[in-house]
Amino acid sequence: MRGVNLIAEYDIIINELAGNGRGKTVWETVKPILEQRQINFDYHVSKYAGHTTRLAAQFAKVARFKPDVTPVLLVIGGDGTLNEALNGLMSVPRKQQVPLAYIPGGSGNDFARGLDMATKPEIALAQILNNMRPRMLNIGYYHETLKNDHRYFVNNVGLGFDAQIVDDTNRSKQKGRLGHWAYLSNALKAYTQQEGFSLTVHVGRQRDYYKHAFLCTTSNQPYFGGGVKILPQANLYDDQLELIVLETPHWWTVAWLFCLLLAGGRHLNSRFIHHYRQANLHLLVNSVEIGQMDGQVIGNRNYDLYLSTQPYPFWIDTSIHDH
């Protein structure tokens, strides 16, 4: 397939409610361009939580590759919408996987940041329409053995503090205004709610035990929380995951680490931070803790969590830049 230019036929899923209605605005910008250029597409509006997963699975069942024509699933929404679409596609066994395209229309859009996608919908669309072949990116995979829960993620999985922030943010009126300061205000609230918990990190034959873990985030790319660059070295193009662990800190430690975070990732050099870079991770939490995946809460429970990556084809050419 490499080196062959292909025509794409698009099945589009729109989450109009993403980003406090930004998903709908993006679609209203994109649809006339598709029609003007006479692009072959069909579209569906995601109407409830989990609907995108169902729509993506339905497309995966019927999508057919033809000579020089590739079926592409294009998602317009936030990171949660993209996560649902990926899990829908992965739920249907296929010999040839359906490439996934994405136009950011959410409040956080961390996947788009990690991929260096354009922020303007017209240019993001051009990055898709001018693409000529699938490009393999690494997606995250987790298996939680206590509930036998298998899922895929594009950004990160967090236990404890960052999941508490996600829960507070999703409940608050600041949902549509993510960024450093909205994140900081929710972080201060979550700090008062989150207690330390026991965490065991298995990496190969190494076993590290943290008696008072506070933050435990595994990431496939640098950003979380709507642009907070928590793991600068994380890369969608390699098969490595990055894990950051912080034990229960004093409030001044949190403030200091946040300043280092804003100063370009210097927080990873702090003695308070434990940092891992591995292809496979195993996390064990023996207390009931809140968890999040790609900005969506995955519940309060104990965790026996195995994390890894695998390649998946995406239909995006980021060499076209947003100017």
C-alpha atoms as a PDB file:
ATOM      1  CA  MET A   1       0.000   0.000   0.000  1.00  0.00           C
ATOM      2  CA  ARG A   2       2.934   2.327   0.626  1.00  0.00           C
ATOM      3  CA  GLY A   3       3.639   4.641  -2.276  1.00  0.00           C
ATOM      4  CA  VAL A   4       0.189   4.148  -3.833  1.00  0.00           C
ATOM      5  CA  ASN A   5      -2.100   7.193  -3.909  1.00  0.00           C
ATOM      6  CA  LEU A   6      -5.640   6.270  -2.947  1.00  0.00           C
ATOM      7  CA  ILE A   7      -9.015   7.948  -3.209  1.00  0.00           C
ATOM      8  CA  ALA A   8     -11.020   7.994   0.010  1.00  0.00           C
ATOM      9  CA  GLU A   9     -14.750   7.550   0.599  1.00  0.00           C
ATOM     10  CA  TYR A  10     -15.767   9.020   3.926  1.00  0.00           C
ATOM     11  CA  ASP A  11     -18.252   7.903   6.535  1.00  0.00           C
ATOM     12  CA  ILE A  12     -18.527  10.859   8.934  1.00  0.00           C
ATOM     13  CA  ILE A  13     -19.656  10.845  12.572  1.00  0.00           C
ATOM     14  CA  ILE A  14     -20.385  14.242  14.130  1.00  0.00           C
ATOM     15  CA  ASN A  15     -20.740  14.897  17.847  1.00  0.00           C
ATOM     16  CA  GLU A  16     -22.532  18.244  17.668  1.00  0.00           C
ATOM     17  CA  LEU A  17     -22.461  18.679  21.455  1.00  0.00           C
ATOM     18  CA  ALA A  18     -18.675  18.334  21.745  1.00  0.00           C
ATOM     19  CA  GLY A  19     -16.925  21.418  23.089  1.00  0.00           C
ATOM     20  CA  ASN A  20     -20.202  23.059  24.157  1.00  0.00           C
ATOM     21  CA  GLY A  21     -21.478  23.008  20.581  1.00  0.00           C
ATOM     22  CA  ARG A  22     -18.158  23.471  18.802  1.00  0.00           C
ATOM     23  CA  GLY A  23     -18.613  20.093  17.091  1.00  0.00           C
ATOM     24  CA  LYS A  24     -21.722  21.441  15.338  1.00  0.00           C
ATOM     25  CA  THR A  25     -19.925  24.658  14.313  1.00  0.00           C
ATOM     26  CA  VAL A  26     -17.037  22.666  12.847  1.00  0.00           C
ATOM     27  CA  TRP A  27     -19.461  20.482  10.867  1.00  0.00           C
ATOM     28  CA  GLU A  28     -21.235  23.573   9.523  1.00  0.00           C
ATOM     29  CA  THR A  29     -17.843  24.801   8.290  1.00  0.00           C
ATOM     30  CA  VAL A  30     -16.727  21.479   6.834  1.00  0.00           C
ATOM     31  CA  LYS A  31     -19.889  20.207   5.127  1.00  0.00           C
ATOM     32  CA  PRO A  32     -20.113  22.929   2.410  1.00  0.00           C
ATOM     33  CA  ILE A  33     -16.446  22.342   1.503  1.00  0.00           C
ATOM     34  CA  LEU A  34     -17.071  18.607   1.085  1.00  0.00           C
ATOM     35  CA  GLU A  35     -20.098  19.320  -1.099  1.00  0.00           C
ATOM     36  CA  GLN A  36     -18.293  21.953  -3.156  1.00  0.00           C
ATOM     37  CA  ARG A  37     -15.404  19.593  -3.827  1.00  0.00           C
ATOM     38  CA  GLN A  38     -17.861  16.779  -4.629  1.00  0.00           C
ATOM     39  CA  ILE A  39     -16.285  14.469  -2.062  1.00  0.00           C
ATOM     40  CA  ASN A  40     -18.027  11.114  -1.680  1.00  0.00           C
ATOM     41  CA  PHE A  41     -19.335  10.995   1.906  1.00  0.00           C
ATOM     42  CA  ASP A  42     -22.125   9.814   4.167  1.00  0.00           C
ATOM     43  CA  TYR A  43     -22.695  11.230   7.648  1.00  0.00           C
ATOM     44  CA  HIS A  44     -24.368  10.480  10.974  1.00  0.00           C
ATOM     45  CA  VAL A  45     -24.917  12.588  14.085  1.00  0.00           C
ATOM     46  CA  SER A  46     -23.964  10.973  17.390  1.00  0.00           C
ATOM     47  CA  LYS A  47     -26.925  11.478  19.716  1.00  0.00           C
ATOM     48  CA  TYR A  48     -25.920   9.952  23.072  1.00  0.00           C
ATOM     49  CA  ALA A  49     -22.971   8.545  25.027  1.00  0.00           C
ATOM     50  CA  GLY A  50     -21.812   5.360  23.305  1.00  0.00           C
ATOM     51  CA  HIS A  51     -23.616   6.148  20.035  1.00  0.00           C
ATOM     52  CA  THR A  52     -20.347   6.917  18.228  1.00  0.00           C
ATOM     53  CA  THR A  53     -19.050   3.470  19.219  1.00  0.00           C
ATOM     54  CA  ARG A  54     -22.148   1.813  17.730  1.00  0.00           C
ATOM     55  CA  LEU A  55     -21.980   3.882  14.535  1.00  0.00           C
ATOM     56  CA  ALA A  56     -18.265   3.133  14.074  1.00  0.00           C
ATOM     57  CA  ALA A  57     -18.832  -0.602  14.628  1.00  0.00           C
ATOM     58  CA  GLN A  58     -21.655  -0.597  12.062  1.00  0.00           C
ATOM     59  CA  PHE A  59     -19.347   1.056   9.514  1.00  0.00           C
ATOM     60  CA  ALA A  60     -16.543  -1.405  10.274  1.00  0.00           C
ATOM     61  CA  LYS A  61     -18.923  -4.276   9.479  1.00  0.00           C
ATOM     62  CA  VAL A  62     -19.882  -2.979   6.021  1.00  0.00           C
ATOM     63  CA  ALA A  63     -16.835  -0.957   4.880  1.00  0.00           C
ATOM     64  CA  ARG A  64     -15.264  -2.397   1.738  1.00  0.00           C
ATOM     65  CA  PHE A  65     -11.892  -1.663   0.202  1.00  0.00           C
ATOM     66  CA  LYS A  66     -11.947  -1.365  -3.606  1.00  0.00           C
ATOM     67  CA  PRO A  67      -9.067  -0.984  -6.054  1.00  0.00           C
ATOM     68  CA  ASP A  68      -7.644   2.518  -5.441  1.00  0.00           C
ATOM     69  CA  VAL A  69     -10.557   3.453  -3.124  1.00  0.00           C
ATOM     70  CA  THR A  70     -10.250   3.379   0.674  1.00  0.00           C
ATOM     71  CA  PRO A  71     -13.153   3.620   3.143  1.00  0.00           C
ATOM     72  CA  VAL A  72     -12.287   6.170   5.869  1.00  0.00           C
ATOM     73  CA  LEU A  73     -14.134   6.906   9.104  1.00  0.00           C
ATOM     74  CA  LEU A  74     -13.965  10.663   9.774  1.00  0.00           C
ATOM     75  CA  VAL A  75     -14.813  11.818  13.296  1.00  0.00           C
ATOM     76  CA  ILE A  76     -15.742  15.399  14.229  1.00  0.00           C
ATOM     77  CA  GLY A  77     -15.818  15.992  17.972  1.00  0.00           C
ATOM     78  CA  GLY A  78     -13.579  15.847  21.009  1.00  0.00           C
ATOM     79  CA  ASP A  79     -11.090  13.300  22.308  1.00  0.00           C
ATOM     80  CA  GLY A  80     -13.930  11.323  23.895  1.00  0.00           C
ATOM     81  CA  THR A  81     -15.706  11.068  20.536  1.00  0.00           C
ATOM     82  CA  LEU A  82     -12.491   9.910  18.870  1.00  0.00           C
ATOM     83  CA  ASN A  83     -12.019   7.342  21.647  1.00  0.00           C
ATOM     84  CA  GLU A  84     -15.543   5.977  21.109  1.00  0.00           C
ATOM     85  CA  ALA A  85     -14.972   5.732  17.342  1.00  0.00           C
ATOM     86  CA  LEU A  86     -11.680   3.878  17.797  1.00  0.00           C
ATOM     87  CA  ASN A  87     -13.235   1.395  20.209  1.00  0.00           C
ATOM     88  CA  GLY A  88     -16.133   0.867  17.822  1.00  0.00           C
ATOM     89  CA  LEU A  89     -13.778   0.120  14.935  1.00  0.00           C
ATOM     90  CA  MET A  90     -11.659  -2.200  17.071  1.00  0.00           C
ATOM     91  CA  SER A  91     -14.725  -4.142  18.236  1.00  0.00           C
ATOM     92  CA  VAL A  92     -15.170  -5.617  14.741  1.00  0.00           C
ATOM     93  CA  PRO A  93     -12.482  -8.127  13.680  1.00  0.00           C
ATOM     94  CA  ARG A  94     -11.171  -7.227  10.217  1.00  0.00           C
ATOM     95  CA  LYS A  95      -8.198  -8.338   8.135  1.00  0.00           C
ATOM     96  CA  GLN A  96      -7.830  -4.795   6.769  1.00  0.00           C
ATOM     97  CA  GLN A  97      -8.505  -2.070   9.335  1.00  0.00           C
ATOM     98  CA  VAL A  98     -10.553   0.986   8.380  1.00  0.00           C
ATOM     99  CA  PRO A  99      -8.384   4.153   8.529  1.00  0.00           C
ATOM    100  CA  LEU A 100      -9.506   6.774  11.038  1.00  0.00           C
ATOM    101  CA  ALA A 101      -9.570  10.533  10.358  1.00  0.00           C
ATOM    102  CA  TYR A 102     -10.338  13.291  12.840  1.00  0.00           C
ATOM    103  CA  ILE A 103     -11.223  16.978  12.877  1.00  0.00           C
ATOM    104  CA  PRO A 104     -10.972  18.462  16.391  1.00  0.00           C
ATOM    105  CA  GLY A 105     -14.220  19.938  17.656  1.00  0.00           C
ATOM    106  CA  GLY A 106     -14.016  19.383  21.398  1.00  0.00           C
ATOM    107  CA  SER A 107     -12.895  21.413  24.382  1.00  0.00           C
ATOM    108  CA  GLY A 108      -9.520  19.742  25.004  1.00  0.00           C
ATOM    109  CA  ASN A 109      -8.392  18.379  21.612  1.00  0.00           C
ATOM    110  CA  ASP A 110      -5.214  16.898  23.081  1.00  0.00           C
ATOM    111  CA  PHE A 111      -4.891  14.215  20.401  1.00  0.00           C
ATOM    112  CA  ALA A 112      -4.853  16.906  17.704  1.00  0.00           C
ATOM    113  CA  ARG A 113      -2.153  18.766  19.652  1.00  0.00           C
ATOM    114  CA  GLY A 114      -0.067  15.634  20.024  1.00  0.00           C
ATOM    115  CA  LEU A 115      -0.337  14.992  16.300  1.00  0.00           C
ATOM    116  CA  ASP A 116       0.344  18.649  15.400  1.00  0.00           C
ATOM    117  CA  MET A 117      -2.968  18.948  13.580  1.00  0.00           C
ATOM    118  CA  ALA A 118      -4.322  22.281  12.370  1.00  0.00           C
ATOM    119  CA  THR A 119      -6.667  24.092  14.742  1.00  0.00           C
ATOM    120  CA  LYS A 120      -8.775  25.687  11.981  1.00  0.00           C
ATOM    121  CA  PRO A 121     -11.415  23.250  10.663  1.00  0.00           C
ATOM    122  CA  GLU A 122     -10.780  24.181   7.008  1.00  0.00           C
ATOM    123  CA  ILE A 123      -7.076  23.382   7.286  1.00  0.00           C
ATOM    124  CA  ALA A 124      -7.683  20.259   9.372  1.00  0.00           C
ATOM    125  CA  LEU A 125     -10.033  19.102   6.596  1.00  0.00           C
ATOM    126  CA  ALA A 126      -7.317  19.794   4.020  1.00  0.00           C
ATOM    127  CA  GLN A 127      -4.937  17.652   6.083  1.00  0.00           C
ATOM    128  CA  ILE A 128      -7.412  14.816   5.560  1.00  0.00           C
ATOM    129  CA  LEU A 129      -8.581  15.381   1.976  1.00  0.00           C
ATOM    130  CA  ASN A 130      -5.021  15.849   0.688  1.00  0.00           C
ATOM    131  CA  ASN A 131      -3.843  12.689   2.410  1.00  0.00           C
ATOM    132  CA  MET A 132      -2.946   9.905  -0.030  1.00  0.00           C
ATOM    133  CA  ARG A 133      -2.385   6.790   2.081  1.00  0.00           C
ATOM    134  CA  PRO A 134      -2.916   5.438   5.602  1.00  0.00           C
ATOM    135  CA  ARG A 135      -0.308   6.449   8.179  1.00  0.00           C
ATOM    136  CA  MET A 136       0.357   4.161  11.117  1.00  0.00           C
ATOM    137  CA  LEU A 137       0.155   5.737  14.563  1.00  0.00           C
ATOM    138  CA  ASN A 138       0.352   3.918  17.861  1.00  0.00           C
ATOM    139  CA  ILE A 139      -2.777   3.720  19.969  1.00  0.00           C
ATOM    140  CA  GLY A 140      -2.889   2.673  23.605  1.00  0.00           C
ATOM    141  CA  TYR A 141      -4.492  -0.558  24.792  1.00  0.00           C
ATOM    142  CA  TYR A 142      -5.460  -1.555  28.286  1.00  0.00           C
ATOM    143  CA  HIS A 143      -6.710  -4.752  29.844  1.00  0.00           C
ATOM    144  CA  GLU A 144      -8.167  -4.442  33.347  1.00  0.00           C
ATOM    145  CA  THR A 145      -8.232  -8.035  34.612  1.00  0.00           C
ATOM    146  CA  LEU A 146     -10.497  -7.590  37.665  1.00  0.00           C
ATOM    147  CA  LYS A 147     -13.449  -6.708  35.432  1.00  0.00           C
ATOM    148  CA  ASN A 148     -11.935  -8.207  32.263  1.00  0.00           C
ATOM    149  CA  ASP A 149     -12.302  -4.797  30.648  1.00  0.00           C
ATOM    150  CA  HIS A 150     -10.491  -4.259  27.316  1.00  0.00           C
ATOM    151  CA  ARG A 151     -10.294  -0.794  25.803  1.00  0.00           C
ATOM    152  CA  TYR A 152      -8.251   1.323  23.429  1.00  0.00           C
ATOM    153  CA  PHE A 153      -7.200   4.920  24.012  1.00  0.00           C
ATOM    154  CA  VAL A 154      -5.595   7.696  21.973  1.00  0.00           C
ATOM    155  CA  ASN A 155      -4.275   9.954  24.738  1.00  0.00           C
ATOM    156  CA  ASN A 156      -3.987   8.679  28.287  1.00  0.00           C
ATOM    157  CA  VAL A 157      -5.298   6.655  31.196  1.00  0.00           C
ATOM    158  CA  GLY A 158      -5.126   8.204  34.641  1.00  0.00           C
ATOM    159  CA  LEU A 159      -5.808   6.975  38.166  1.00  0.00           C
ATOM    160  CA  GLY A 160      -6.252   9.300  41.116  1.00  0.00           C
ATOM    161  CA  PHE A 161      -5.603  13.035  40.884  1.00  0.00           C
ATOM    162  CA  ASP A 162      -5.938  13.621  37.131  1.00  0.00           C
ATOM    163  CA  ALA A 163      -9.068  11.454  36.978  1.00  0.00           C
ATOM    164  CA  GLN A 164     -10.521  13.521  39.826  1.00  0.00           C
ATOM    165  CA  ILE A 165      -9.765  16.668  37.799  1.00  0.00           C
ATOM    166  CA  VAL A 166     -11.513  15.128  34.781  1.00  0.00           C
ATOM    167  CA  ASP A 167     -14.559  14.293  36.897  1.00  0.00           C
ATOM    168  CA  ASP A 168     -14.702  17.803  38.377  1.00  0.00           C
ATOM    169  CA  THR A 169     -14.169  19.425  34.953  1.00  0.00           C
ATOM    170  CA  ASN A 170     -16.885  17.340  33.302  1.00  0.00           C
ATOM    171  CA  ARG A 171     -19.311  18.387  36.032  1.00  0.00           C
ATOM    172  CA  SER A 172     -18.338  22.075  36.016  1.00  0.00           C
ATOM    173  CA  LYS A 173     -19.325  25.006  33.818  1.00  0.00           C
ATOM    174  CA  GLN A 174     -15.694  25.297  32.677  1.00  0.00           C
ATOM    175  CA  LYS A 175     -16.026  22.243  30.429  1.00  0.00           C
ATOM    176  CA  GLY A 176     -15.869  24.402  27.291  1.00  0.00           C
ATOM    177  CA  ARG A 177     -12.982  26.552  28.562  1.00  0.00           C
ATOM    178  CA  LEU A 178     -10.172  24.114  29.144  1.00  0.00           C
ATOM    179  CA  GLY A 179      -6.608  25.358  29.258  1.00  0.00           C
ATOM    180  CA  HIS A 180      -3.946  26.048  31.840  1.00  0.00           C
ATOM    181  CA  TRP A 181      -5.971  28.251  34.192  1.00  0.00           C
ATOM    182  CA  ALA A 182      -9.268  26.353  34.031  1.00  0.00           C
ATOM    183  CA  TYR A 183      -7.188  23.235  34.589  1.00  0.00           C
ATOM    184  CA  LEU A 184      -5.416  24.837  37.558  1.00  0.00           C
ATOM    185  CA  SER A 185      -8.685  25.828  39.259  1.00  0.00           C
ATOM    186  CA  ASN A 186     -10.044  22.295  38.871  1.00  0.00           C
ATOM    187  CA  ALA A 187      -6.690  20.902  40.023  1.00  0.00           C
ATOM    188  CA  LEU A 188      -6.929  22.907  43.252  1.00  0.00           C
ATOM    189  CA  LYS A 189     -10.394  21.499  43.898  1.00  0.00           C
ATOM    190  CA  ALA A 190      -9.269  17.937  43.114  1.00  0.00           C
ATOM    191  CA  TYR A 191      -6.258  18.353  45.422  1.00  0.00           C
ATOM    192  CA  THR A 192      -8.603  18.682  48.391  1.00  0.00           C
ATOM    193  CA  GLN A 193     -10.556  15.564  47.324  1.00  0.00           C
ATOM    194  CA  GLN A 194      -7.780  13.116  46.381  1.00  0.00           C
ATOM    195  CA  GLU A 195      -6.047  11.022  49.033  1.00  0.00           C
ATOM    196  CA  GLY A 196      -2.905   8.937  48.629  1.00  0.00           C
ATOM    197  CA  PHE A 197      -3.307   5.311  47.559  1.00  0.00           C
ATOM    198  CA  SER A 198      -1.095   2.246  47.290  1.00  0.00           C
ATOM    199  CA  LEU A 199       0.259   1.657  43.785  1.00  0.00           C
ATOM    200  CA  THR A 200       2.531  -1.065  42.440  1.00  0.00           C
ATOM    201  CA  VAL A 201       4.236  -0.493  39.072  1.00  0.00           C
ATOM    202  CA  HIS A 202       5.570  -3.603  37.297  1.00  0.00           C
ATOM    203  CA  VAL A 203       8.007  -3.005  34.438  1.00  0.00           C
ATOM    204  CA  GLY A 204       9.603  -6.241  33.225  1.00  0.00           C
ATOM    205  CA  ARG A 205      11.126  -7.800  36.361  1.00  0.00           C
ATOM    206  CA  GLN A 206      11.213  -4.472  38.172  1.00  0.00           C
ATOM    207  CA  ARG A 207       8.571  -3.807  40.795  1.00  0.00           C
ATOM    208  CA  ASP A 208       8.164  -0.367  42.397  1.00  0.00           C
ATOM    209  CA  TYR A 209       5.793   0.188  45.284  1.00  0.00           C
ATOM    210  CA  TYR A 210       4.372   3.599  46.180  1.00  0.00           C
ATOM    211  CA  LYS A 211       2.564   3.742  49.497  1.00  0.00           C
ATOM    212  CA  HIS A 212       0.957   7.150  48.929  1.00  0.00           C
ATOM    213  CA  ALA A 213       0.509   7.563  45.165  1.00  0.00           C
ATOM    214  CA  PHE A 214      -1.455  10.672  44.266  1.00  0.00           C
ATOM    215  CA  LEU A 215      -1.153  11.048  40.495  1.00  0.00           C
ATOM    216  CA  CYS A 216      -0.706   8.075  38.149  1.00  0.00           C
ATOM    217  CA  THR A 217      -1.013   8.902  34.445  1.00  0.00           C
ATOM    218  CA  THR A 218      -0.027   6.715  31.493  1.00  0.00           C
ATOM    219  CA  SER A 219       0.151   8.617  28.220  1.00  0.00           C
ATOM    220  CA  ASN A 220       0.541   7.888  24.518  1.00  0.00           C
ATOM    221  CA  GLN A 221       1.256  11.541  23.642  1.00  0.00           C
ATOM    222  CA  PRO A 222       2.453  14.688  25.467  1.00  0.00           C
ATOM    223  CA  TYR A 223      -0.775  16.459  26.449  1.00  0.00           C
ATOM    224  CA  PHE A 224      -3.691  16.174  28.798  1.00  0.00           C
ATOM    225  CA  GLY A 225      -6.230  18.536  30.323  1.00  0.00           C
ATOM    226  CA  GLY A 226      -6.612  20.661  27.196  1.00  0.00           C
ATOM    227  CA  GLY A 227      -2.995  21.509  26.429  1.00  0.00           C
ATOM    228  CA  VAL A 228      -1.095  20.696  29.628  1.00  0.00           C
ATOM    229  CA  LYS A 229       2.167  19.157  28.410  1.00  0.00           C
ATOM    230  CA  ILE A 230       2.623  16.614  31.187  1.00  0.00           C
ATOM    231  CA  LEU A 231       4.825  14.102  29.294  1.00  0.00           C
ATOM    232  CA  PRO A 232       6.827  16.039  26.663  1.00  0.00           C
ATOM    233  CA  GLN A 233       8.658  12.983  25.281  1.00  0.00           C
ATOM    234  CA  ALA A 234       5.546  10.888  24.634  1.00  0.00           C
ATOM    235  CA  ASN A 235       5.120  10.248  20.913  1.00  0.00           C
ATOM    236  CA  LEU A 236       2.262   8.857  18.814  1.00  0.00           C
ATOM    237  CA  TYR A 237       4.767   7.498  16.298  1.00  0.00           C
ATOM    238  CA  ASP A 238       6.664   5.133  18.624  1.00  0.00           C
ATOM    239  CA  ASP A 239       5.569   2.044  20.556  1.00  0.00           C
ATOM    240  CA  GLN A 240       6.418   3.464  23.981  1.00  0.00           C
ATOM    241  CA  LEU A 241       4.058   4.561  26.719  1.00  0.00           C
ATOM    242  CA  GLU A 242       5.042   7.122  29.335  1.00  0.00           C
ATOM    243  CA  LEU A 243       3.991   6.907  32.968  1.00  0.00           C
ATOM    244  CA  ILE A 244       4.230   9.659  35.549  1.00  0.00           C
ATOM    245  CA  VAL A 245       3.734   8.958  39.263  1.00  0.00           C
ATOM    246  CA  LEU A 246       3.564  11.594  41.989  1.00  0.00           C
ATOM    247  CA  GLU A 247       3.255  10.705  45.666  1.00  0.00           C
ATOM    248  CA  THR A 248       1.021  12.733  48.004  1.00  0.00           C
ATOM    249  CA  PRO A 249       2.506  16.238  47.869  1.00  0.00           C
ATOM    250  CA  HIS A 250       2.256  19.332  50.029  1.00  0.00           C
ATOM    251  CA  TRP A 251       0.247  22.106  48.377  1.00  0.00           C
ATOM    252  CA  TRP A 252       3.427  24.082  47.748  1.00  0.00           C
ATOM    253  CA  THR A 253       4.892  21.067  45.903  1.00  0.00           C
ATOM    254  CA  VAL A 254       1.862  20.990  43.610  1.00  0.00           C
ATOM    255  CA  ALA A 255       2.211  24.736  42.950  1.00  0.00           C
ATOM    256  CA  TRP A 256       5.956  24.382  42.267  1.00  0.00           C
ATOM    257  CA  LEU A 257       5.464  21.417  39.940  1.00  0.00           C
ATOM    258  CA  PHE A 258       2.746  23.275  38.050  1.00  0.00           C
ATOM    259  CA  CYS A 259       5.145  26.195  37.517  1.00  0.00           C
ATOM    260  CA  LEU A 260       7.801  23.779  36.229  1.00  0.00           C
ATOM    261  CA  LEU A 261       5.161  22.183  33.999  1.00  0.00           C
ATOM    262  CA  LEU A 262       4.336  25.547  32.434  1.00  0.00           C
ATOM    263  CA  ALA A 263       8.064  26.228  32.062  1.00  0.00           C
ATOM    264  CA  GLY A 264       8.338  23.533  29.405  1.00  0.00           C
ATOM    265  CA  GLY A 265       8.378  20.140  31.030  1.00  0.00           C
ATOM    266  CA  ARG A 266      11.069  20.710  33.662  1.00  0.00           C
ATOM    267  CA  HIS A 267       8.796  18.999  36.227  1.00  0.00           C
ATOM    268  CA  LEU A 268      10.140  15.601  35.104  1.00  0.00           C
ATOM    269  CA  ASN A 269      13.512  16.472  36.693  1.00  0.00           C
ATOM    270  CA  SER A 270      11.899  16.986  40.102  1.00  0.00           C
ATOM    271  CA  ARG A 271      12.721  14.487  42.853  1.00  0.00           C
ATOM    272  CA  PHE A 272       8.982  14.286  43.580  1.00  0.00           C
ATOM    273  CA  ILE A 273       8.249  12.829  40.130  1.00  0.00           C
ATOM    274  CA  HIS A 274       8.726   9.187  39.072  1.00  0.00           C
ATOM    275  CA  HIS A 275       8.880   8.782  35.311  1.00  0.00           C
ATOM    276  CA  TYR A 276       8.759   5.595  33.198  1.00  0.00           C
ATOM    277  CA  ARG A 277       9.064   5.075  29.447  1.00  0.00           C
ATOM    278  CA  GLN A 278       8.152   1.516  28.421  1.00  0.00           C
ATOM    279  CA  ALA A 279       6.258  -0.452  25.778  1.00  0.00           C
ATOM    280  CA  ASN A 280       4.409  -2.466  28.448  1.00  0.00           C
ATOM    281  CA  LEU A 281       3.246  -1.435  31.910  1.00  0.00           C
ATOM    282  CA  HIS A 282       1.379  -3.217  34.692  1.00  0.00           C
ATOM    283  CA  LEU A 283      -0.321  -1.144  37.414  1.00  0.00           C
ATOM    284  CA  LEU A 284      -1.893  -2.558  40.551  1.00  0.00           C
ATOM    285  CA  VAL A 285      -4.131  -0.460  42.837  1.00  0.00           C
ATOM    286  CA  ASN A 286      -5.676  -2.188  45.857  1.00  0.00           C
ATOM    287  CA  SER A 287      -8.074   0.572  46.874  1.00  0.00           C
ATOM    288  CA  VAL A 288     -11.140   2.080  45.238  1.00  0.00           C
ATOM    289  CA  GLU A 289      -9.888   4.973  43.090  1.00  0.00           C
ATOM    290  CA  ILE A 290     -11.357   7.075  40.307  1.00  0.00           C
ATOM    291  CA  GLY A 291      -9.975   6.481  36.804  1.00  0.00           C
ATOM    292  CA  GLN A 292     -10.184   8.304  33.475  1.00  0.00           C
ATOM    293  CA  MET A 293      -9.464   7.419  29.863  1.00  0.00           C
ATOM    294  CA  ASP A 294      -9.184  10.129  27.193  1.00  0.00           C
ATOM    295  CA  GLY A 295     -11.044  12.608  29.389  1.00  0.00           C
ATOM    296  CA  GLN A 296     -13.908  10.280  30.298  1.00  0.00           C
ATOM    297  CA  VAL A 297     -14.374   8.791  33.782  1.00  0.00           C
ATOM    298  CA  ILE A 298     -14.108   4.974  33.759  1.00  0.00           C
ATOM    299  CA  GLY A 299     -15.367   4.435  37.288  1.00  0.00           C
ATOM    300  CA  ASN A 300     -14.329   4.076  40.916  1.00  0.00           C
ATOM    301  CA  ARG A 301     -12.732   0.705  41.626  1.00  0.00           C
ATOM    302  CA  ASN A 302      -9.603  -1.360  42.256  1.00  0.00           C
ATOM    303  CA  TYR A 303      -7.335  -1.839  39.237  1.00  0.00           C
ATOM    304  CA  ASP A 304      -5.129  -4.600  37.887  1.00  0.00           C
ATOM    305  CA  LEU A 305      -4.192  -2.837  34.692  1.00  0.00           C
ATOM    306  CA  TYR A 306      -1.988  -3.981  31.806  1.00  0.00           C
ATOM    307  CA  LEU A 307      -1.090  -1.272  29.278  1.00  0.00           C
ATOM    308  CA  SER A 308       0.582  -1.493  25.881  1.00  0.00           C
ATOM    309  CA  THR A 309       0.426   0.015  22.386  1.00  0.00           C
ATOM    310  CA  GLN A 310      -0.297  -1.216  18.893  1.00  0.00           C
ATOM    311  CA  PRO A 311      -0.322   0.426  15.459  1.00  0.00           C
ATOM    312  CA  TYR A 312      -3.509   1.660  13.800  1.00  0.00           C
ATOM    313  CA  PRO A 313      -3.970   3.372  10.401  1.00  0.00           C
ATOM    314  CA  PHE A 314      -4.960   7.058  10.438  1.00  0.00           C
ATOM    315  CA  TRP A 315      -5.878   9.174   7.405  1.00  0.00           C
ATOM    316  CA  ILE A 316      -4.254  12.530   8.231  1.00  0.00           C
ATOM    317  CA  ASP A 317      -1.319  14.396   6.632  1.00  0.00           C
ATOM    318  CA  THR A 318       0.018  16.965   9.114  1.00  0.00           C
ATOM    319  CA  SER A 319       2.695  18.245   6.732  1.00  0.00           C
ATOM    320  CA  ILE A 320       0.049  20.833   5.745  1.00  0.00           C
ATOM    321  CA  HIS A 321       0.377  23.415   8.502  1.00  0.00           C
ATOM    322  CA  ASP A 322      -1.972  25.858  10.167  1.00  0.00           C
ATOM    323  CA  HIS A 323      -0.829  29.391   9.396  1.00  0.00           C
END
